Amino acid sequence: MIPDLISYAGFAQKLGVAVLQETRLKGNILASDNNIDGGGIMSNPDIESTESSKPADTNSSASQQPVAEHEADSANENVLRHVSTTISARSVMKPPDSLLHEICFVSVISMGQFLTLTGLALSVVTGELIGRSFENISAGERSWFAASYSLTVGTFILVAGRLGDLYGHKRMYVVGFAWYGLWSLLAGFGVYPKTPAFFITCRAFQGVGAGLILPNCLAILGQTYPPGRRKELVFSIFGAMAPAGFIVAGIFAALVSERVWWPWSYWIMAILCFFLATVGLFVIPKEKFVDRMHDSVLDQNRFKFITLIDIPGAVTSISGLVLINFSWNQAPIVGWTDPYTYILLIAGFLCLGAFVLVERKAKYPLVPTSIFTSDVAWTLSCVACGWASFGIALYYVYQFNILLKGDSPLLSVAKWSGAPVTGIIAGLTTAYLLSRVPPSAIMVMALSGFLIGSTLLSTLPVNQTYWSQMFVLTLLYPFGMDMSFPAATILLSNSMPHEHQGLAASLVATAVNYSISISLGFAGTIETQLNDGGKDILKGYRAALYFSNGLASLGMLLSLVYFAATWIRSRRNRGAEKEESV
């Protein structure tokens, strides 16, 4: 389950801004590069004052920026690779003009978050029932039901944000849901082939649609609302859709699969996606400047979009991530003795190497190489370990309950009913602690949740009552989820310049989704090697869950080391400041 990222109003606005700021800034510079007024592309509540957010004061506040700020911007121009540091105070989209319009607008946008989690729940909760439709399906192939979706969601987030900058976030929302609906429709027909290959392919393309939707939904909300209580409330509603989407979709998918037929859960999903794509055309306000920017790009140079989108970077990054992930998730099925698995793995690493070289030369890089500091490396490593551990746990806990304990899919979902409650508590706790303790300390707390939860799950007896270890671990995991994401976003935000704030949250989201996907490949390899050819299911599950526990332990160790390093560094900085003051 993806975290309830913005379940608390105090942190909601900051996180929403972090997700959006990179696209705002690049949208501004892209407009200025084509001699277009980019002044209304985006707004930044964390940097601007309340007065600067008023439309009547926009131009005057922009013209009164200190000279020193402009000089600093000029000095850093080459390092930042033409990324503007000018922040606009106006929104691209006109706010809804009535309460009814606003309710419809917020509902339509929030469904982007809801259905992103729905897509994950459809395969995790009912994966065993879906697997029965295919002949001779292995555990490795069944893990692809969820892994293929998470892979493409995480892989396409950065590219989707850039496409939204150039061609409009509303357009990407509509295209994303249309694409999501098409492949949801086709996924339902995946029941007819005797092998799961077609269904898994459809799941991967579903993830592309979700990857297009999620960052552009956040961008639309950020463009529409100025700083204030209303924006905080809207982002809180959006964040609350994360756990709701997983739990509600899990219950719905389980009921449909048990009472009707599992393809209907995908066909109903397709109907809902097409409906939202259509409604979005009328409910979402029109963007003001993106079309003009896009037309100017085409007028000046029809191939300019290659530079603006950073197509070489997009191709090499997507290819590398997909090939590496595919090889690891395919290995449990065909084994590492098949040459194409390790050939694809090598090719994936070569593509990532090419991506690094391309980004160093790109005018508008998707991921500027200058941002990769030690803080970024430590933070992303902690997040990847924690969420990889959770991805394995989430998949195998349903397999454990359904195959070994004999639970129905519906009962398996019901056992997680306490998670949204503790998720809200974790969110409120994080909001309270962020202003009182360093984010690195919150990261330690988050990894503690992952570690204790994985320890309880990996040692869970088959015949133990639910109210013992199982109940406790469902209450602890949300602390890992809902504390790690905001803590990581703040840590990366603090280590990056203002013009890369949105990239911080995007990198964390990519790390979360990609680590979930690739960890299932690692766990699947371990399971198939140790389950005695499928004869000892419990032994294979235990081995995979012990690996999950090992990842959480590694993440805990990394978080402790990073906390100690940041504490020592802060002490030194305070000491240096005292000496200077004297």
Protein backbone atom coordinates (compact mmCIF):
# COMPACT_ATOMS: atom_id res chain seq x y z
CA MET A 1 0.00 0.00 0.00
CA ILE A 2 1.36 3.42 -0.95
CA PRO A 3 1.48 5.80 2.02
CA ASP A 4 -1.15 8.27 3.10
CA LEU A 5 1.25 10.99 2.00
CA ILE A 6 -0.79 14.03 2.87
CA SER A 7 -3.24 12.80 5.48
CA TYR A 8 -2.49 15.76 7.70
CA ALA A 9 -3.09 19.37 6.70
CA GLY A 10 0.05 20.88 8.18
CA PHE A 11 2.39 18.86 5.98
CA ALA A 12 0.07 18.65 2.99
CA GLN A 13 0.89 21.99 1.46
CA LYS A 14 4.65 21.53 1.78
CA LEU A 15 4.64 18.09 0.23
CA GLY A 16 2.36 19.13 -2.59
CA VAL A 17 4.67 22.03 -3.36
CA ALA A 18 7.69 19.78 -3.29
CA VAL A 19 6.16 17.47 -5.85
CA LEU A 20 5.36 20.37 -8.13
CA GLN A 21 8.17 22.86 -7.87
CA GLU A 22 10.52 21.24 -10.38
CA THR A 23 7.82 21.23 -13.04
CA ARG A 24 6.91 24.81 -12.25
CA LEU A 25 10.43 26.09 -12.65
CA LYS A 26 11.15 24.19 -15.81
CA GLY A 27 7.84 25.29 -17.23
CA ASN A 28 8.86 28.89 -16.66
CA ILE A 29 12.26 28.57 -18.30
CA LEU A 30 10.85 26.63 -21.24
CA ALA A 31 8.41 29.45 -21.83
CA SER A 32 11.11 32.11 -21.57
CA ASP A 33 13.38 30.20 -23.96
CA ASN A 34 10.70 30.58 -26.60
CA ASN A 35 10.07 34.28 -25.92
CA ILE A 36 6.81 33.59 -24.16
CA ASP A 37 5.52 35.13 -21.00
CA GLY A 38 6.07 32.34 -18.51
CA GLY A 39 4.97 34.47 -15.64
CA GLY A 40 1.85 32.51 -14.91
CA ILE A 41 3.12 28.99 -15.14
CA MET A 42 3.25 27.99 -11.49
CA SER A 43 3.17 29.19 -7.91
CA ASN A 44 5.34 28.34 -4.91
CA PRO A 45 3.68 28.81 -1.53
CA ASP A 46 6.75 27.78 0.46
CA ILE A 47 8.91 30.54 -0.98
CA GLU A 48 6.45 33.31 -1.65
CA SER A 49 4.86 35.46 0.98
CA THR A 50 1.13 35.53 1.37
CA GLU A 51 1.01 38.97 -0.19
CA SER A 52 2.87 37.82 -3.30
CA SER A 53 0.23 35.20 -3.95
CA LYS A 54 -2.43 37.84 -4.58
CA PRO A 55 -3.08 38.31 -8.30
CA ALA A 56 -3.13 42.11 -8.03
CA ASP A 57 0.39 42.17 -6.55
CA THR A 58 2.03 39.61 -8.79
CA ASN A 59 3.97 41.84 -11.12
CA SER A 60 5.03 44.32 -8.47
CA SER A 61 6.33 41.65 -6.12
CA ALA A 62 8.24 40.00 -8.93
CA SER A 63 9.90 43.28 -9.88
CA GLN A 64 11.03 43.98 -6.32
CA GLN A 65 13.23 40.93 -5.87
CA PRO A 66 16.59 41.81 -4.33
CA VAL A 67 19.50 42.46 -6.69
CA ALA A 68 21.63 40.00 -4.79
CA GLU A 69 19.20 37.20 -5.58
CA HIS A 70 19.47 37.92 -9.31
CA GLU A 71 23.26 38.02 -9.09
CA ALA A 72 23.29 34.66 -7.34
CA ASP A 73 21.00 33.26 -9.98
CA SER A 74 23.35 34.43 -12.73
CA ALA A 75 26.36 32.94 -10.99
CA ASN A 76 24.71 29.54 -10.77
CA GLU A 77 23.24 29.53 -14.27
CA ASN A 78 25.78 27.12 -15.76
CA VAL A 79 25.63 24.73 -12.83
CA LEU A 80 21.85 24.59 -12.91
CA ARG A 81 21.79 23.92 -16.67
CA HIS A 82 19.46 26.73 -17.66
CA VAL A 83 16.93 26.01 -14.92
CA SER A 84 15.30 29.25 -13.88
CA THR A 85 15.12 30.29 -10.26
CA THR A 86 12.36 32.79 -10.91
CA ILE A 87 9.17 31.83 -9.10
CA SER A 88 5.83 33.07 -10.37
CA ALA A 89 3.05 33.98 -8.00
CA ARG A 90 0.15 33.23 -10.33
CA SER A 91 -1.55 29.92 -11.06
CA VAL A 92 -1.99 28.47 -14.53
CA MET A 93 -5.55 27.35 -13.87
CA LYS A 94 -8.54 29.36 -12.80
CA PRO A 95 -10.00 28.07 -9.51
CA PRO A 96 -13.49 26.50 -9.63
CA ASP A 97 -16.16 29.19 -9.84
CA SER A 98 -18.71 27.55 -7.53
CA LEU A 99 -18.85 25.15 -4.61
CA LEU A 100 -20.45 22.44 -6.76
CA HIS A 101 -17.77 22.86 -9.40
CA GLU A 102 -15.08 22.66 -6.73
CA ILE A 103 -16.52 19.48 -5.22
CA CYS A 104 -16.59 17.86 -8.66
CA PHE A 105 -13.08 19.11 -9.45
CA VAL A 106 -11.50 17.85 -6.22
CA SER A 107 -13.33 14.53 -6.54
CA VAL A 108 -12.13 13.99 -10.10
CA ILE A 109 -8.51 14.83 -9.26
CA SER A 110 -8.50 12.79 -6.05
CA MET A 111 -9.64 9.75 -8.00
CA GLY A 112 -6.22 9.80 -9.65
CA GLN A 113 -4.66 8.90 -6.31
CA PHE A 114 -7.48 6.50 -5.47
CA LEU A 115 -7.25 4.51 -8.70
CA THR A 116 -3.46 4.37 -8.65
CA LEU A 117 -3.73 2.36 -5.45
CA THR A 118 -6.70 0.46 -6.82
CA GLY A 119 -4.51 -0.86 -9.63
CA LEU A 120 -2.08 -2.32 -7.11
CA ALA A 121 -4.80 -3.84 -4.92
CA LEU A 122 -6.50 -5.60 -7.84
CA SER A 123 -3.54 -7.95 -8.29
CA VAL A 124 -2.20 -8.19 -4.74
CA VAL A 125 -5.48 -9.16 -3.08
CA THR A 126 -6.84 -11.47 -5.78
CA GLY A 127 -3.56 -12.67 -7.26
CA GLU A 128 -4.17 -16.26 -6.19
CA LEU A 129 -7.65 -16.35 -7.76
CA ILE A 130 -6.32 -14.81 -10.97
CA GLY A 131 -3.52 -17.36 -11.10
CA ARG A 132 -6.02 -20.22 -11.12
CA SER A 133 -7.20 -19.08 -14.57
CA PHE A 134 -3.86 -20.02 -16.13
CA GLU A 135 -2.23 -23.39 -16.65
CA ASN A 136 0.91 -24.37 -14.76
CA ILE A 137 1.57 -20.90 -13.39
CA SER A 138 4.57 -20.54 -11.11
CA ALA A 139 4.99 -18.36 -8.05
CA GLY A 140 7.40 -16.19 -10.03
CA GLU A 141 4.83 -15.56 -12.75
CA ARG A 142 2.21 -14.72 -10.14
CA SER A 143 4.50 -12.11 -8.58
CA TRP A 144 4.60 -10.37 -11.98
CA PHE A 145 0.91 -9.45 -11.55
CA ALA A 146 1.92 -6.77 -9.04
CA ALA A 147 5.56 -6.23 -10.03
CA SER A 148 4.82 -5.26 -13.63
CA TYR A 149 2.38 -2.58 -12.49
CA SER A 150 4.65 -1.07 -9.83
CA LEU A 151 7.58 -1.14 -12.25
CA THR A 152 5.97 1.09 -14.85
CA VAL A 153 4.33 3.40 -12.31
CA GLY A 154 7.70 4.20 -10.79
CA THR A 155 9.56 4.32 -14.09
CA PHE A 156 7.31 6.85 -15.84
CA ILE A 157 6.75 9.39 -13.04
CA LEU A 158 9.62 11.72 -14.01
CA VAL A 159 8.84 11.58 -17.73
CA ALA A 160 5.13 12.16 -17.08
CA GLY A 161 5.86 15.34 -15.18
CA ARG A 162 7.95 16.69 -18.05
CA LEU A 163 5.21 15.86 -20.58
CA GLY A 164 2.74 17.72 -18.39
CA ASP A 165 5.02 20.77 -18.42
CA LEU A 166 5.08 20.88 -22.21
CA TYR A 167 1.66 19.72 -23.31
CA GLY A 168 -0.52 20.48 -20.33
CA HIS A 169 -1.26 18.61 -17.12
CA LYS A 170 -4.95 18.45 -17.98
CA ARG A 171 -4.15 16.75 -21.27
CA MET A 172 -1.88 14.26 -19.54
CA TYR A 173 -4.64 13.55 -17.00
CA VAL A 174 -7.12 12.76 -19.77
CA VAL A 175 -4.60 10.77 -21.80
CA GLY A 176 -3.47 8.91 -18.69
CA PHE A 177 -6.96 7.80 -17.73
CA ALA A 178 -7.85 6.89 -21.31
CA TRP A 179 -4.70 4.77 -21.50
CA TYR A 180 -5.35 3.28 -18.06
CA GLY A 181 -8.90 2.41 -19.06
CA LEU A 182 -7.86 0.80 -22.34
CA TRP A 183 -5.38 -1.55 -20.72
CA SER A 184 -7.72 -2.29 -17.80
CA LEU A 185 -10.28 -3.40 -20.38
CA LEU A 186 -7.72 -5.59 -22.13
CA ALA A 187 -6.46 -6.98 -18.81
CA GLY A 188 -9.90 -8.41 -18.16
CA PHE A 189 -9.68 -10.31 -21.43
CA GLY A 190 -6.38 -11.73 -20.22
CA VAL A 191 -8.41 -14.53 -18.68
CA TYR A 192 -8.86 -16.22 -22.06
CA PRO A 193 -5.26 -17.09 -23.03
CA LYS A 194 -3.90 -20.15 -21.29
CA THR A 195 -0.73 -18.35 -20.20
CA PRO A 196 -0.41 -15.18 -18.09
CA ALA A 197 1.91 -13.33 -20.51
CA PHE A 198 -0.84 -11.19 -22.04
CA PHE A 199 -2.33 -10.32 -18.65
CA ILE A 200 1.08 -9.34 -17.25
CA THR A 201 1.72 -7.15 -20.31
CA CYS A 202 -1.60 -5.40 -19.76
CA ARG A 203 -0.71 -4.84 -16.11
CA ALA A 204 2.53 -3.16 -17.15
CA PHE A 205 0.72 -0.82 -19.54
CA GLN A 206 -1.83 -0.07 -16.82
CA GLY A 207 1.09 1.16 -14.74
CA VAL A 208 2.11 3.54 -17.52
CA GLY A 209 -1.32 5.15 -17.29
CA ALA A 210 -1.10 5.47 -13.51
CA GLY A 211 2.38 6.93 -13.87
CA LEU A 212 0.99 9.59 -16.19
CA ILE A 213 -1.91 10.40 -13.89
CA LEU A 214 -0.35 10.76 -10.45
CA PRO A 215 2.23 13.56 -10.96
CA ASN A 216 -0.11 15.54 -13.17
CA CYS A 217 -2.92 15.35 -10.60
CA LEU A 218 -0.58 16.90 -8.06
CA ALA A 219 0.46 19.54 -10.59
CA ILE A 220 -3.16 20.46 -11.34
CA LEU A 221 -3.96 20.94 -7.65
CA GLY A 222 -0.84 22.99 -7.12
CA GLN A 223 -1.64 25.26 -10.07
CA THR A 224 -5.28 25.76 -9.12
CA TYR A 225 -5.08 26.74 -5.45
CA PRO A 226 -3.09 29.60 -3.94
CA PRO A 227 -1.46 29.11 -0.52
CA GLY A 228 -3.91 28.88 2.34
CA ARG A 229 -6.20 26.66 4.35
CA ARG A 230 -8.22 25.65 1.33
CA LYS A 231 -5.16 24.28 -0.43
CA GLU A 232 -4.13 22.40 2.71
CA LEU A 233 -7.60 20.84 2.92
CA VAL A 234 -7.57 19.83 -0.75
CA PHE A 235 -4.17 18.18 -0.48
CA SER A 236 -5.29 16.41 2.69
CA ILE A 237 -8.26 14.96 0.82
CA PHE A 238 -5.98 13.91 -2.02
CA GLY A 239 -3.59 12.16 0.36
CA ALA A 240 -6.39 10.36 2.18
CA MET A 241 -7.29 8.60 -1.06
CA ALA A 242 -4.14 6.45 -0.85
CA PRO A 243 -5.10 4.00 1.92
CA ALA A 244 -8.77 4.33 1.02
CA GLY A 245 -8.02 3.29 -2.55
CA PHE A 246 -6.17 0.17 -1.51
CA ILE A 247 -8.62 -1.01 1.14
CA VAL A 248 -11.81 -0.20 -0.79
CA ALA A 249 -10.43 -1.66 -4.01
CA GLY A 250 -9.22 -4.74 -2.19
CA ILE A 251 -12.65 -5.38 -0.70
CA PHE A 252 -14.35 -4.69 -4.03
CA ALA A 253 -11.97 -6.92 -5.99
CA ALA A 254 -12.34 -9.73 -3.48
CA LEU A 255 -16.15 -9.56 -3.59
CA VAL A 256 -16.27 -9.46 -7.39
CA SER A 257 -13.76 -12.28 -7.74
CA GLU A 258 -15.50 -14.51 -5.23
CA ARG A 259 -19.11 -13.77 -6.19
CA VAL A 260 -18.91 -13.01 -9.91
CA TRP A 261 -15.70 -13.34 -11.96
CA TRP A 262 -12.34 -11.61 -11.48
CA PRO A 263 -12.19 -10.01 -15.00
CA TRP A 264 -15.18 -7.87 -14.03
CA SER A 265 -13.06 -5.97 -11.52
CA TYR A 266 -10.84 -4.86 -14.42
CA TRP A 267 -13.73 -4.12 -16.76
CA ILE A 268 -15.44 -1.98 -14.11
CA MET A 269 -12.10 -0.27 -13.57
CA ALA A 270 -11.95 0.48 -17.31
CA ILE A 271 -15.45 1.97 -17.27
CA LEU A 272 -14.50 4.21 -14.35
CA CYS A 273 -11.28 5.33 -16.07
CA PHE A 274 -13.08 6.25 -19.30
CA PHE A 275 -15.70 8.10 -17.26
CA LEU A 276 -13.05 10.13 -15.43
CA ALA A 277 -11.22 10.93 -18.66
CA THR A 278 -14.46 12.30 -20.11
CA VAL A 279 -15.51 14.21 -17.01
CA GLY A 280 -12.03 15.64 -16.64
CA LEU A 281 -12.39 17.42 -19.98
CA PHE A 282 -15.25 19.48 -18.58
CA VAL A 283 -14.46 19.74 -14.86
CA ILE A 284 -10.72 20.53 -14.86
CA PRO A 285 -10.03 24.20 -15.67
CA LYS A 286 -8.16 25.03 -18.86
CA GLU A 287 -4.48 25.88 -18.58
CA LYS A 288 -3.52 29.33 -19.79
CA PHE A 289 0.03 29.21 -21.08
CA VAL A 290 0.97 25.65 -21.96
CA ASP A 291 -0.64 25.70 -25.41
CA ARG A 292 1.16 28.91 -26.34
CA MET A 293 4.46 27.43 -25.24
CA HIS A 294 3.85 24.27 -27.19
CA ASP A 295 2.83 26.14 -30.36
CA SER A 296 5.92 28.32 -30.18
CA VAL A 297 8.13 25.28 -29.83
CA LEU A 298 6.63 23.78 -32.97
CA ASP A 299 6.88 27.07 -34.87
CA GLN A 300 10.55 27.61 -34.11
CA ASN A 301 11.84 24.06 -34.45
CA ARG A 302 9.71 21.01 -34.92
CA PHE A 303 12.41 18.88 -33.28
CA LYS A 304 12.83 21.16 -30.25
CA PHE A 305 10.60 18.87 -28.23
CA ILE A 306 13.39 16.26 -28.27
CA THR A 307 15.52 18.64 -26.22
CA LEU A 308 12.70 19.86 -24.02
CA ILE A 309 11.43 16.41 -23.07
CA ASP A 310 14.99 15.05 -22.90
CA ILE A 311 14.04 12.07 -25.03
CA PRO A 312 17.55 10.54 -24.98
CA GLY A 313 17.49 10.68 -21.19
CA ALA A 314 13.96 9.30 -21.02
CA VAL A 315 14.76 6.40 -23.37
CA THR A 316 17.97 5.39 -21.62
CA SER A 317 16.53 5.69 -18.11
CA ILE A 318 13.32 3.82 -18.87
CA SER A 319 15.18 1.13 -20.81
CA GLY A 320 17.71 0.63 -18.04
CA LEU A 321 15.18 0.44 -15.23
CA VAL A 322 12.84 -1.86 -17.15
CA LEU A 323 15.57 -4.26 -18.30
CA ILE A 324 17.11 -4.60 -14.84
CA ASN A 325 13.73 -5.13 -13.23
CA PHE A 326 12.56 -7.54 -15.90
CA SER A 327 15.64 -9.72 -15.59
CA TRP A 328 15.28 -10.02 -11.82
CA ASN A 329 11.55 -10.76 -11.90
CA GLN A 330 11.93 -13.18 -14.79
CA ALA A 331 14.78 -15.13 -13.19
CA PRO A 332 12.52 -17.01 -10.72
CA ILE A 333 10.52 -18.27 -13.70
CA VAL A 334 13.23 -19.36 -16.16
CA GLY A 335 16.28 -19.38 -13.90
CA TRP A 336 19.61 -17.61 -14.24
CA THR A 337 20.90 -20.41 -16.44
CA ASP A 338 18.91 -18.98 -19.33
CA PRO A 339 21.32 -16.57 -21.08
CA TYR A 340 18.81 -13.84 -21.85
CA THR A 341 18.19 -13.06 -18.16
CA TYR A 342 21.73 -11.94 -17.40
CA ILE A 343 22.19 -10.46 -20.88
CA LEU A 344 19.21 -8.19 -20.22
CA LEU A 345 20.60 -7.38 -16.78
CA ILE A 346 23.92 -6.29 -18.29
CA ALA A 347 22.11 -4.32 -20.99
CA GLY A 348 20.08 -2.56 -18.30
CA PHE A 349 23.17 -1.40 -16.44
CA LEU A 350 24.71 -0.22 -19.71
CA CYS A 351 21.58 1.83 -20.41
CA LEU A 352 21.78 3.44 -16.98
CA GLY A 353 25.43 4.25 -17.63
CA ALA A 354 24.41 5.86 -20.90
CA PHE A 355 21.70 7.78 -19.03
CA VAL A 356 24.30 9.33 -16.72
CA LEU A 357 26.39 10.43 -19.69
CA VAL A 358 23.36 11.82 -21.52
CA GLU A 359 22.18 13.79 -18.50
CA ARG A 360 25.57 15.48 -18.16
CA LYS A 361 25.18 16.94 -21.64
CA ALA A 362 21.42 17.54 -21.70
CA LYS A 363 20.19 21.13 -21.73
CA TYR A 364 17.05 20.21 -19.77
CA PRO A 365 17.98 16.97 -17.95
CA LEU A 366 15.29 14.86 -16.34
CA VAL A 367 17.61 14.22 -13.40
CA PRO A 368 20.57 16.64 -13.19
CA THR A 369 23.66 14.73 -12.07
CA SER A 370 24.65 17.64 -9.82
CA ILE A 371 21.91 16.77 -7.33
CA PHE A 372 23.39 13.41 -6.32
CA THR A 373 25.06 14.28 -3.05
CA SER A 374 25.79 12.01 -0.11
CA ASP A 375 22.55 13.14 1.55
CA VAL A 376 20.54 12.07 -1.49
CA ALA A 377 22.31 8.71 -1.63
CA TRP A 378 21.76 7.97 2.07
CA THR A 379 18.12 9.01 1.99
CA LEU A 380 17.16 7.09 -1.14
CA SER A 381 18.99 4.01 0.16
CA CYS A 382 16.98 4.09 3.39
CA VAL A 383 13.71 4.55 1.49
CA ALA A 384 14.54 1.80 -1.00
CA CYS A 385 15.40 -0.72 1.72
CA GLY A 386 12.31 0.04 3.79
CA TRP A 387 9.86 -0.02 0.91
CA ALA A 388 11.46 -3.04 -0.74
CA SER A 389 10.97 -4.86 2.55
CA PHE A 390 7.35 -3.73 2.70
CA GLY A 391 6.68 -4.69 -0.93
CA ILE A 392 7.76 -8.25 -0.20
CA ALA A 393 5.74 -8.34 3.02
CA LEU A 394 2.60 -7.00 1.35
CA TYR A 395 2.73 -9.62 -1.40
CA TYR A 396 3.56 -12.60 0.78
CA VAL A 397 1.20 -11.79 3.64
CA TYR A 398 -1.72 -12.34 1.27
CA GLN A 399 -0.19 -15.53 -0.08
CA PHE A 400 0.44 -16.68 3.49
CA ASN A 401 -3.12 -15.99 4.61
CA ILE A 402 -4.85 -17.42 1.54
CA LEU A 403 -2.72 -20.48 0.78
CA LEU A 404 -1.52 -21.51 4.22
CA LYS A 405 -4.16 -20.20 6.63
CA GLY A 406 -7.07 -20.80 4.25
CA ASP A 407 -8.45 -17.26 4.40
CA SER A 408 -10.62 -15.89 1.62
CA PRO A 409 -9.30 -12.80 -0.22
CA LEU A 410 -12.02 -10.74 1.48
CA LEU A 411 -10.93 -11.87 4.94
CA SER A 412 -7.31 -11.17 4.06
CA VAL A 413 -8.17 -7.57 3.20
CA ALA A 414 -10.27 -7.20 6.34
CA LYS A 415 -7.25 -8.09 8.46
CA TRP A 416 -5.65 -4.81 7.33
CA SER A 417 -8.65 -2.70 8.35
CA GLY A 418 -6.75 -1.16 11.25
CA ALA A 419 -3.98 0.16 9.01
CA PRO A 420 -5.76 3.36 7.86
CA VAL A 421 -6.36 4.34 11.49
CA THR A 422 -2.72 4.00 12.49
CA GLY A 423 -1.79 5.63 9.19
CA ILE A 424 -3.63 8.77 10.27
CA ILE A 425 -1.94 8.61 13.68
CA ALA A 426 1.45 8.20 12.00
CA GLY A 427 0.73 11.13 9.72
CA LEU A 428 -0.29 13.39 12.58
CA THR A 429 2.74 12.27 14.57
CA THR A 430 5.02 13.11 11.67
CA ALA A 431 3.44 16.53 11.25
CA TYR A 432 4.00 17.21 14.95
CA LEU A 433 7.60 15.97 14.96
CA LEU A 434 8.82 17.64 11.77
CA SER A 435 9.15 21.01 13.48
CA ARG A 436 10.70 19.54 16.62
CA VAL A 437 13.18 16.83 15.60
CA PRO A 438 15.40 16.42 12.53
CA PRO A 439 13.93 14.43 9.61
CA SER A 440 16.77 11.92 9.92
CA ALA A 441 15.40 10.98 13.37
CA ILE A 442 11.94 10.48 11.87
CA MET A 443 13.52 8.24 9.24
CA VAL A 444 14.94 6.07 12.05
CA MET A 445 11.44 5.80 13.55
CA ALA A 446 10.01 4.87 10.15
CA LEU A 447 12.58 2.14 9.58
CA SER A 448 11.81 0.84 13.07
CA GLY A 449 8.22 0.33 11.94
CA PHE A 450 9.37 -1.57 8.85
CA LEU A 451 11.83 -3.66 10.88
CA ILE A 452 9.49 -4.65 13.71
CA GLY A 453 6.67 -5.37 11.27
CA SER A 454 8.84 -7.57 9.06
CA THR A 455 10.22 -9.40 12.11
CA LEU A 456 6.72 -10.23 13.32
CA LEU A 457 5.65 -11.37 9.85
CA SER A 458 8.70 -13.52 9.12
CA THR A 459 8.21 -15.44 12.40
CA LEU A 460 4.40 -15.65 12.19
CA PRO A 461 3.14 -19.19 13.01
CA VAL A 462 0.58 -20.56 10.59
CA ASN A 463 -1.98 -21.46 13.23
CA GLN A 464 -1.56 -18.44 15.48
CA THR A 465 -4.58 -16.29 16.27
CA TYR A 466 -4.99 -13.07 14.31
CA TRP A 467 -4.95 -10.92 17.47
CA SER A 468 -1.35 -11.76 18.23
CA GLN A 469 1.44 -10.98 15.76
CA MET A 470 -0.73 -10.40 12.67
CA PHE A 471 -2.83 -7.69 14.25
CA VAL A 472 0.19 -5.91 15.70
CA LEU A 473 2.15 -5.88 12.43
CA THR A 474 -0.78 -4.37 10.52
CA LEU A 475 -0.73 -1.52 13.03
CA LEU A 476 3.05 -1.01 12.84
CA TYR A 477 3.64 -1.01 9.09
CA PRO A 478 1.73 2.27 8.52
CA PHE A 479 4.27 4.04 10.75
CA GLY A 480 6.99 2.92 8.38
CA MET A 481 5.01 3.99 5.33
CA ASP A 482 3.55 7.27 6.48
CA MET A 483 6.67 8.50 8.25
CA SER A 484 9.34 7.51 5.74
CA PHE A 485 7.96 9.29 2.67
CA PRO A 486 7.58 12.79 4.16
CA ALA A 487 10.84 12.45 6.10
CA ALA A 488 12.68 11.45 2.93
CA THR A 489 11.09 14.27 0.97
CA ILE A 490 12.16 16.83 3.56
CA LEU A 491 15.69 15.39 3.74
CA LEU A 492 16.11 15.60 -0.03
CA SER A 493 14.45 18.99 -0.10
CA ASN A 494 16.94 20.32 2.45
CA SER A 495 19.88 19.01 0.43
CA MET A 496 18.74 20.43 -2.93
CA PRO A 497 18.50 23.98 -4.28
CA HIS A 498 15.05 25.54 -4.65
CA GLU A 499 14.84 24.85 -8.37
CA HIS A 500 14.99 21.08 -7.75
CA GLN A 501 12.45 20.78 -4.94
CA GLY A 502 9.88 18.94 -7.05
CA LEU A 503 12.53 16.51 -8.19
CA ALA A 504 13.13 15.56 -4.55
CA ALA A 505 9.60 14.21 -4.10
CA SER A 506 9.63 12.63 -7.57
CA LEU A 507 12.83 10.74 -6.80
CA VAL A 508 11.36 9.46 -3.54
CA ALA A 509 8.18 8.33 -5.31
CA THR A 510 10.24 6.59 -7.99
CA ALA A 511 12.38 4.87 -5.36
CA VAL A 512 9.27 3.68 -3.51
CA ASN A 513 7.52 2.16 -6.52
CA TYR A 514 10.62 0.75 -8.19
CA SER A 515 11.92 -0.86 -5.00
CA ILE A 516 8.56 -2.56 -4.45
CA SER A 517 8.69 -4.01 -7.94
CA ILE A 518 12.28 -5.21 -8.07
CA SER A 519 12.21 -6.60 -4.53
CA LEU A 520 9.52 -9.06 -5.60
CA GLY A 521 12.00 -10.42 -8.15
CA PHE A 522 14.64 -10.87 -5.46
CA ALA A 523 12.16 -12.55 -3.13
CA GLY A 524 10.78 -14.74 -5.91
CA THR A 525 14.25 -16.02 -6.73
CA ILE A 526 14.87 -16.88 -3.08
CA GLU A 527 11.48 -18.57 -2.73
CA THR A 528 11.85 -20.78 -5.81
CA GLN A 529 15.35 -21.83 -4.79
CA LEU A 530 14.35 -22.89 -1.28
CA ASN A 531 10.79 -24.25 -1.53
CA ASP A 532 11.91 -27.72 -2.63
CA GLY A 533 10.43 -27.44 -6.09
CA GLY A 534 7.13 -26.10 -4.75
CA LYS A 535 6.68 -28.95 -2.27
CA ASP A 536 7.43 -26.87 0.82
CA ILE A 537 5.51 -23.62 0.36
CA LEU A 538 6.03 -22.45 3.93
CA LYS A 539 9.80 -22.81 3.68
CA GLY A 540 9.87 -20.71 0.51
CA TYR A 541 7.66 -18.04 2.06
CA ARG A 542 9.78 -17.95 5.21
CA ALA A 543 12.94 -17.48 3.15
CA ALA A 544 11.42 -14.59 1.20
CA LEU A 545 10.17 -12.97 4.40
CA TYR A 546 13.56 -13.38 6.08
CA PHE A 547 15.02 -11.53 3.11
CA SER A 548 12.41 -8.82 3.69
CA ASN A 549 13.53 -8.65 7.31
CA GLY A 550 17.14 -8.37 6.16
CA LEU A 551 16.31 -5.43 3.92
CA ALA A 552 14.52 -3.68 6.77
CA SER A 553 17.52 -4.33 9.02
CA LEU A 554 19.86 -2.85 6.43
CA GLY A 555 17.61 0.18 6.10
CA MET A 556 17.57 0.57 9.88
CA LEU A 557 21.37 0.44 10.00
CA LEU A 558 21.69 3.00 7.21
CA SER A 559 19.21 5.32 8.90
CA LEU A 560 21.10 5.13 12.20
CA VAL A 561 24.42 5.88 10.50
CA TYR A 562 22.88 8.76 8.59
CA PHE A 563 21.25 10.15 11.73
CA ALA A 564 24.58 10.04 13.54
CA ALA A 565 26.34 11.72 10.61
CA THR A 566 23.78 14.52 10.38
CA TRP A 567 23.86 15.03 14.16
CA ILE A 568 27.65 15.33 14.17
CA ARG A 569 27.52 17.70 11.21
CA SER A 570 24.89 19.90 12.86
CA ARG A 571 26.97 20.07 16.05
CA ARG A 572 29.98 21.17 14.05
CA ASN A 573 27.95 23.80 12.22
CA ARG A 574 26.58 25.19 15.47
CA GLY A 575 30.09 25.31 16.90
CA ALA A 576 31.36 27.16 13.85
CA GLU A 577 28.50 29.66 14.09
CA LYS A 578 29.28 30.34 17.74
CA GLU A 579 32.94 30.97 16.92
CA GLU A 580 31.98 33.39 14.14
CA SER A 581 29.58 35.26 16.43
CA VAL A 582 32.33 35.68 18.99
